[in-house]
Each structure stands twice: as structure tokens, then as C-alpha cells.
PDB file of N, CA and C in Angstrom:
ATOM      1  N   MET A   1      11.700  18.445 -15.531  1.00  0.00           N
ATOM      2  CA  MET A   1      12.688  17.701 -14.569  1.00  0.00           C
ATOM      3  C   MET A   1      12.405  17.866 -13.223  1.00  0.00           C
ATOM      4  N   ILE A   2      11.757  18.884 -13.140  1.00  0.00           N
ATOM      5  CA  ILE A   2      11.261  19.368 -11.600  1.00  0.00           C
ATOM      6  C   ILE A   2      10.047  18.481 -11.345  1.00  0.00           C
ATOM      7  N   SER A   3       9.149  18.209 -11.910  1.00  0.00           N
ATOM      8  CA  SER A   3       7.923  17.465 -11.908  1.00  0.00           C
ATOM      9  C   SER A   3       8.577  16.010 -11.930  1.00  0.00           C
ATOM     10  N   PHE A   4       9.501  15.501 -12.517  1.00  0.00           N
ATOM     11  CA  PHE A   4       9.956  14.153 -12.472  1.00  0.00           C
ATOM     12  C   PHE A   4      10.695  13.924 -11.045  1.00  0.00           C
ATOM     13  N   ILE A   5      11.151  15.016 -10.650  1.00  0.00           N
ATOM     14  CA  ILE A   5      11.981  14.537  -9.178  1.00  0.00           C
ATOM     15  C   ILE A   5      10.836  14.303  -8.235  1.00  0.00           C
ATOM     16  N   ALA A   6       9.873  15.694  -8.215  1.00  0.00           N
ATOM     17  CA  ALA A   6       8.671  15.518  -7.245  1.00  0.00           C
ATOM     18  C   ALA A   6       8.128  14.179  -7.054  1.00  0.00           C
ATOM     19  N   THR A   7       7.993  13.551  -8.420  1.00  0.00           N
ATOM     20  CA  THR A   7       7.216  12.221  -8.480  1.00  0.00           C
ATOM     21  C   THR A   7       7.927  11.136  -7.806  1.00  0.00           C
ATOM     22  N   LEU A   8       9.662  11.170  -7.930  1.00  0.00           N
ATOM     23  CA  LEU A   8      10.436  10.310  -7.147  1.00  0.00           C
ATOM     24  C   LEU A   8      10.402  10.351  -6.028  1.00  0.00           C
ATOM     25  N   GLU A   9       9.990  11.482  -5.353  1.00  0.00           N
ATOM     26  CA  GLU A   9      10.179  12.108  -3.981  1.00  0.00           C
ATOM     27  C   GLU A   9       8.994  11.417  -3.401  1.00  0.00           C
ATOM     28  N   LYS A  10       7.933  10.806  -3.946  1.00  0.00           N
ATOM     29  CA  LYS A  10       6.783  10.318  -3.363  1.00  0.00           C
ATOM     30  C   LYS A  10       6.917   8.615  -3.370  1.00  0.00           C
ATOM     31  N   VAL A  11       7.926   8.275  -4.362  1.00  0.00           N
ATOM     32  CA  VAL A  11       8.241   6.786  -4.408  1.00  0.00           C
ATOM     33  C   VAL A  11       8.867   6.288  -3.397  1.00  0.00           C
ATOM     34  N   LYS A  12       8.724   5.065  -2.549  1.00  0.00           N
ATOM     35  CA  LYS A  12       9.562   4.538  -1.469  1.00  0.00           C
ATOM     36  C   LYS A  12      10.502   3.505  -2.140  1.00  0.00           C
ATOM     37  N   ALA A  13      11.360   2.894  -1.299  1.00  0.00           N
ATOM     38  CA  ALA A  13      11.669   1.707  -1.945  1.00  0.00           C
ATOM     39  C   ALA A  13      11.042   0.466  -1.972  1.00  0.00           C
ATOM     40  N   HIS A  14      10.099   0.158  -1.083  1.00  0.00           N
ATOM     41  CA  HIS A  14       9.238  -0.770  -1.310  1.00  0.00           C
ATOM     42  C   HIS A  14       8.335  -0.606  -2.270  1.00  0.00           C
ATOM     43  N   ASP A  15       7.727   0.277  -2.780  1.00  0.00           N
ATOM     44  CA  ASP A  15       7.013   0.614  -4.129  1.00  0.00           C
ATOM     45  C   ASP A  15       7.983   0.228  -5.270  1.00  0.00           C
ATOM     46  N   LEU A  16       9.427   0.312  -5.459  1.00  0.00           N
ATOM     47  CA  LEU A  16      10.145  -0.090  -6.417  1.00  0.00           C
ATOM     48  C   LEU A  16      10.314  -1.631  -6.171  1.00  0.00           C
ATOM     49  N   ARG A  17      10.180  -1.990  -5.342  1.00  0.00           N
ATOM     50  CA  ARG A  17      10.532  -3.717  -4.984  1.00  0.00           C
ATOM     51  C   ARG A  17       9.438  -4.294  -5.454  1.00  0.00           C
ATOM     52  N   ARG A  18       8.312  -3.886  -5.064  1.00  0.00           N
ATOM     53  CA  ARG A  18       6.850  -4.388  -5.456  1.00  0.00           C
ATOM     54  C   ARG A  18       6.642  -4.232  -6.629  1.00  0.00           C
ATOM     55  N   HIS A  19       7.140  -3.042  -7.754  1.00  0.00           N
ATOM     56  CA  HIS A  19       6.929  -2.680  -8.987  1.00  0.00           C
ATOM     57  C   HIS A  19       7.909  -3.726  -9.645  1.00  0.00           C
ATOM     58  N   ALA A  20       9.276  -3.989  -9.282  1.00  0.00           N
ATOM     59  CA  ALA A  20       9.964  -4.806  -9.969  1.00  0.00           C
ATOM     60  C   ALA A  20       9.548  -6.381  -9.847  1.00  0.00           C
ATOM     61  N   ALA A  21       8.894  -6.885  -8.902  1.00  0.00           N
ATOM     62  CA  ALA A  21       8.379  -7.865  -8.505  1.00  0.00           C
ATOM     63  C   ALA A  21       7.383  -8.370  -9.650  1.00  0.00           C
ATOM     64  N   THR A  22       6.199  -7.149  -9.690  1.00  0.00           N
ATOM     65  CA  THR A  22       5.163  -7.421 -10.260  1.00  0.00           C
ATOM     66  C   THR A  22       5.335  -7.293 -11.882  1.00  0.00           C
ATOM     67  N   TYR A  23       6.283  -6.429 -12.191  1.00  0.00           N
ATOM     68  CA  TYR A  23       6.669  -6.393 -13.790  1.00  0.00           C
ATOM     69  C   TYR A  23       7.414  -7.736 -14.410  1.00  0.00           C
ATOM     70  N   ALA A  24       8.324  -8.064 -13.282  1.00  0.00           N
ATOM     71  CA  ALA A  24       8.766  -9.662 -13.666  1.00  0.00           C
ATOM     72  C   ALA A  24       7.875 -10.513 -13.768  1.00  0.00           C
ATOM     73  N   SER A  25       6.891 -10.617 -13.101  1.00  0.00           N
ATOM     74  CA  SER A  25       5.831 -11.828 -13.064  1.00  0.00           C
ATOM     75  C   SER A  25       5.083 -11.462 -14.053  1.00  0.00           C
ATOM     76  N   ARG A  26       4.638 -10.268 -14.646  1.00  0.00           N
ATOM     77  CA  ARG A  26       3.558  -9.932 -15.585  1.00  0.00           C
ATOM     78  C   ARG A  26       4.474 -10.160 -16.894  1.00  0.00           C
ATOM     79  N   SER A  27       5.844 -10.306 -16.860  1.00  0.00           N
ATOM     80  CA  SER A  27       6.598 -10.461 -18.029  1.00  0.00           C
ATOM     81  C   SER A  27       6.720 -11.856 -18.517  1.00  0.00           C
ATOM     82  N   GLY A  28       6.378 -12.951 -17.577  1.00  0.00           N
ATOM     83  CA  GLY A  28       6.625 -14.121 -17.981  1.00  0.00           C
ATOM     84  C   GLY A  28       7.557 -14.995 -16.944  1.00  0.00           C
ATOM     85  N   VAL A  29       8.258 -14.128 -15.944  1.00  0.00           N
ATOM     86  CA  VAL A  29       9.107 -14.741 -15.104  1.00  0.00           C
ATOM     87  C   VAL A  29       8.363 -15.432 -14.058  1.00  0.00           C
ATOM     88  N   PRO A  30       9.191 -16.950 -13.885  1.00  0.00           N
ATOM     89  CA  PRO A  30       8.180 -17.696 -13.030  1.00  0.00           C
ATOM     90  C   PRO A  30       8.173 -17.026 -11.570  1.00  0.00           C
ATOM     91  N   ILE A  31       7.049 -17.160 -11.053  1.00  0.00           N
ATOM     92  CA  ILE A  31       6.762 -16.838  -9.560  1.00  0.00           C
ATOM     93  C   ILE A  31       8.233 -17.002  -8.591  1.00  0.00           C
ATOM     94  N   GLU A  32       8.391 -18.485  -8.901  1.00  0.00           N
ATOM     95  CA  GLU A  32       9.250 -19.318  -7.805  1.00  0.00           C
ATOM     96  C   GLU A  32      10.897 -17.825  -8.192  1.00  0.00           C
ATOM     97  N   ILE A  33      11.383 -17.501  -8.917  1.00  0.00           N
ATOM     98  CA  ILE A  33      12.185 -16.656  -9.421  1.00  0.00           C
ATOM     99  C   ILE A  33      12.105 -15.404  -8.692  1.00  0.00           C
ATOM    100  N   VAL A  34      10.768 -14.965  -8.985  1.00  0.00           N
ATOM    101  CA  VAL A  34      10.517 -13.653  -8.405  1.00  0.00           C
ATOM    102  C   VAL A  34      10.498 -13.623  -7.047  1.00  0.00           C
ATOM    103  N   SER A  35      10.013 -14.566  -6.187  1.00  0.00           N
ATOM    104  CA  SER A  35       9.602 -14.886  -4.928  1.00  0.00           C
ATOM    105  C   SER A  35      11.165 -15.076  -4.387  1.00  0.00           C
ATOM    106  N   LYS A  36      11.960 -15.838  -4.741  1.00  0.00           N
ATOM    107  CA  LYS A  36      13.440 -16.205  -4.305  1.00  0.00           C
ATOM    108  C   LYS A  36      14.335 -15.238  -4.421  1.00  0.00           C
ATOM    109  N   VAL A  37      14.724 -14.800  -6.141  1.00  0.00           N
ATOM    110  CA  VAL A  37      15.761 -13.984  -6.287  1.00  0.00           C
ATOM    111  C   VAL A  37      15.348 -12.446  -6.136  1.00  0.00           C
ATOM    112  N   ILE A  38      14.040 -12.012  -6.532  1.00  0.00           N
ATOM    113  CA  ILE A  38      13.789 -10.689  -6.406  1.00  0.00           C
ATOM    114  C   ILE A  38      13.342 -10.313  -5.074  1.00  0.00           C
ATOM    115  N   LEU A  39      12.545 -10.683  -4.442  1.00  0.00           N
ATOM    116  CA  LEU A  39      11.954 -10.517  -3.268  1.00  0.00           C
ATOM    117  C   LEU A  39      12.545 -11.317  -2.171  1.00  0.00           C
ATOM    118  N   GLN A  40      13.490 -12.181  -2.418  1.00  0.00           N
ATOM    119  CA  GLN A  40      14.157 -13.029  -1.405  1.00  0.00           C
ATOM    120  C   GLN A  40      13.323 -13.579  -0.058  1.00  0.00           C
ATOM    121  N   HIS A  41      12.051 -13.951  -0.652  1.00  0.00           N
ATOM    122  CA  HIS A  41      10.961 -14.513   0.426  1.00  0.00           C
ATOM    123  C   HIS A  41      11.479 -16.051   0.481  1.00  0.00           C
ATOM    124  N   THR A  42      11.281 -16.320   1.887  1.00  0.00           N
ATOM    125  CA  THR A  42      11.514 -17.513   2.415  1.00  0.00           C
ATOM    126  C   THR A  42      10.201 -18.927   1.764  1.00  0.00           C
ATOM    127  N   ASN A  43       9.276 -18.352   1.630  1.00  0.00           N
ATOM    128  CA  ASN A  43       8.090 -19.024   1.603  1.00  0.00           C
ATOM    129  C   ASN A  43       7.141 -18.490   0.098  1.00  0.00           C
ATOM    130  N   LEU A  44       7.105 -19.299  -0.689  1.00  0.00           N
ATOM    131  CA  LEU A  44       6.245 -18.729  -1.910  1.00  0.00           C
ATOM    132  C   LEU A  44       4.704 -18.220  -1.838  1.00  0.00           C
ATOM    133  N   PRO A  45       4.004 -18.662  -0.756  1.00  0.00           N
ATOM    134  CA  PRO A  45       2.712 -18.196  -0.453  1.00  0.00           C
ATOM    135  C   PRO A  45       2.944 -16.706  -0.080  1.00  0.00           C
ATOM    136  N   THR A  46       3.984 -16.330   0.523  1.00  0.00           N
ATOM    137  CA  THR A  46       4.125 -14.777   0.899  1.00  0.00           C
ATOM    138  C   THR A  46       4.369 -13.964  -0.623  1.00  0.00           C
ATOM    139  N   THR A  47       4.992 -14.705  -1.494  1.00  0.00           N
ATOM    140  CA  THR A  47       4.945 -13.703  -2.750  1.00  0.00           C
ATOM    141  C   THR A  47       3.516 -13.719  -3.335  1.00  0.00           C
ATOM    142  N   GLN A  48       2.981 -14.782  -3.460  1.00  0.00           N
ATOM    143  CA  GLN A  48       1.531 -15.025  -3.983  1.00  0.00           C
ATOM    144  C   GLN A  48       0.610 -13.810  -3.208  1.00  0.00           C
ATOM    145  N   ILE A  49       0.761 -13.852  -1.790  1.00  0.00           N
ATOM    146  CA  ILE A  49      -0.375 -12.952  -1.313  1.00  0.00           C
ATOM    147  C   ILE A  49       0.055 -11.500  -1.856  1.00  0.00           C
ATOM    148  N   TYR A  50       1.147 -10.935  -2.100  1.00  0.00           N
ATOM    149  CA  TYR A  50       1.514  -9.355  -2.424  1.00  0.00           C
ATOM    150  C   TYR A  50       0.933  -9.553  -3.694  1.00  0.00           C
ATOM    151  N   LEU A  51       1.561 -10.565  -4.512  1.00  0.00           N
ATOM    152  CA  LEU A  51       1.219 -10.102  -5.973  1.00  0.00           C
ATOM    153  C   LEU A  51      -0.200 -10.381  -6.213  1.00  0.00           C
ATOM    154  N   GLY A  52      -0.779 -11.123  -5.520  1.00  0.00           N
ATOM    155  CA  GLY A  52      -2.265 -11.254  -5.810  1.00  0.00           C
ATOM    156  C   GLY A  52      -3.086  -9.856  -5.409  1.00  0.00           C
ATOM    157  N   LYS A  53      -2.366  -9.009  -4.632  1.00  0.00           N
ATOM    158  CA  LYS A  53      -3.212  -7.779  -4.317  1.00  0.00           C
ATOM    159  C   LYS A  53      -2.632  -6.512  -5.291  1.00  0.00           C
ATOM    160  N   VAL A  54      -1.912  -6.558  -6.188  1.00  0.00           N
ATOM    161  CA  VAL A  54      -1.448  -5.443  -7.266  1.00  0.00           C
ATOM    162  C   VAL A  54      -2.409  -5.741  -8.619  1.00  0.00           C
ATOM    163  N   PRO A  55      -3.348  -5.009  -8.680  1.00  0.00           N
ATOM    164  CA  PRO A  55      -4.257  -4.937  -9.739  1.00  0.00           C
ATOM    165  C   PRO A  55      -3.414  -4.628 -11.016  1.00  0.00           C
ATOM    166  N   ASP A  56      -3.901  -4.896 -12.091  1.00  0.00           N
ATOM    167  CA  ASP A  56      -3.240  -4.856 -13.250  1.00  0.00           C
ATOM    168  C   ASP A  56      -3.421  -3.431 -13.727  1.00  0.00           C
ATOM    169  N   THR A  57      -4.258  -2.491 -13.327  1.00  0.00           N
ATOM    170  CA  THR A  57      -4.452  -1.161 -13.702  1.00  0.00           C
ATOM    171  C   THR A  57      -3.101  -0.440 -12.788  1.00  0.00           C
ATOM    172  N   GLU A  58      -3.039  -0.906 -11.610  1.00  0.00           N
ATOM    173  CA  GLU A  58      -1.792  -0.168 -10.689  1.00  0.00           C
ATOM    174  C   GLU A  58      -0.622  -0.603 -11.535  1.00  0.00           C
ATOM    175  N   SER A  59      -0.439  -1.855 -11.608  1.00  0.00           N
ATOM    176  CA  SER A  59       1.114  -2.354 -12.460  1.00  0.00           C
ATOM    177  C   SER A  59       1.213  -1.495 -13.678  1.00  0.00           C
ATOM    178  N   MET A  60       0.310  -1.208 -14.351  1.00  0.00           N
ATOM    179  CA  MET A  60       0.260  -0.427 -15.694  1.00  0.00           C
ATOM    180  C   MET A  60       1.136   1.043 -15.370  1.00  0.00           C
ATOM    181  N   ARG A  61       0.189   1.489 -14.488  1.00  0.00           N
ATOM    182  CA  ARG A  61       0.179   2.840 -14.069  1.00  0.00           C
ATOM    183  C   ARG A  61       1.701   2.988 -13.681  1.00  0.00           C
ATOM    184  N   TRP A  62       2.472   2.165 -12.814  1.00  0.00           N
ATOM    185  CA  TRP A  62       3.761   2.257 -12.415  1.00  0.00           C
ATOM    186  C   TRP A  62       4.889   2.067 -13.801  1.00  0.00           C
ATOM    187  N   ILE A  63       4.391   1.150 -14.515  1.00  0.00           N
ATOM    188  CA  ILE A  63       5.363   0.839 -15.716  1.00  0.00           C
ATOM    189  C   ILE A  63       5.376   2.066 -16.507  1.00  0.00           C
ATOM    190  N   GLU A  64       4.415   2.673 -16.629  1.00  0.00           N
ATOM    191  CA  GLU A  64       4.090   3.898 -17.579  1.00  0.00           C
ATOM    192  C   GLU A  64       4.894   5.364 -16.686  1.00  0.00           C
ATOM    193  N   ASN A  65       4.693   5.306 -15.783  1.00  0.00           N
ATOM    194  CA  ASN A  65       5.313   6.339 -14.889  1.00  0.00           C
ATOM    195  C   ASN A  65       6.772   6.087 -15.042  1.00  0.00           C
ATOM    196  N   LEU A  66       7.388   4.946 -14.730  1.00  0.00           N
ATOM    197  CA  LEU A  66       8.623   4.727 -14.617  1.00  0.00           C
ATOM    198  C   LEU A  66       9.467   4.718 -15.891  1.00  0.00           C
ATOM    199  N   TYR A  67       8.742   4.219 -17.139  1.00  0.00           N
ATOM    200  CA  TYR A  67       9.281   4.407 -18.268  1.00  0.00           C
ATOM    201  C   TYR A  67       8.970   5.288 -19.272  1.00  0.00           C
ATOM    202  N   ALA A  68       8.097   6.202 -19.069  1.00  0.00           N
ATOM    203  CA  ALA A  68       7.424   7.112 -19.606  1.00  0.00           C
ATOM    204  C   ALA A  68       8.700   8.083 -20.193  1.00  0.00           C
TER     205      ALA A  68
END
């Protein structure tokens, strides 16, 4: 339990936001929905910039850490 709390203290709100968007995108949610609904970006290219920078290995690490 203590290690779980210590891990959570290192996680920032922006990290969770990015994880949610990446997870949704990799799960097949259309990028338009990820952009407008989850991230509330006004421009689709903004979302494409951020999602393009998240490698699959980092995405999987976040998913494993959050759902382990």
C-alpha cells in the first residue's frame, strides 16, 4: 500500500490526462472524440502532436501501473 501511494505522489494531473487520451486512442476511440471530449482541444492538430509523442512502450507502462 505504501509503495502504491508513493507511486501516486509522482503522478501529476497532466500525466493522467495524457494517459486517458492515449489509452482511449489506442483502444480505438476516434481521435476526434479524444481531442474534443477528453482533452477539450479546439484544434485536432494539437491532439495529434501530443499523441504522436507518446511511444507504445510508455503507454503500456502507464496502463500496467494504473491497472496492476
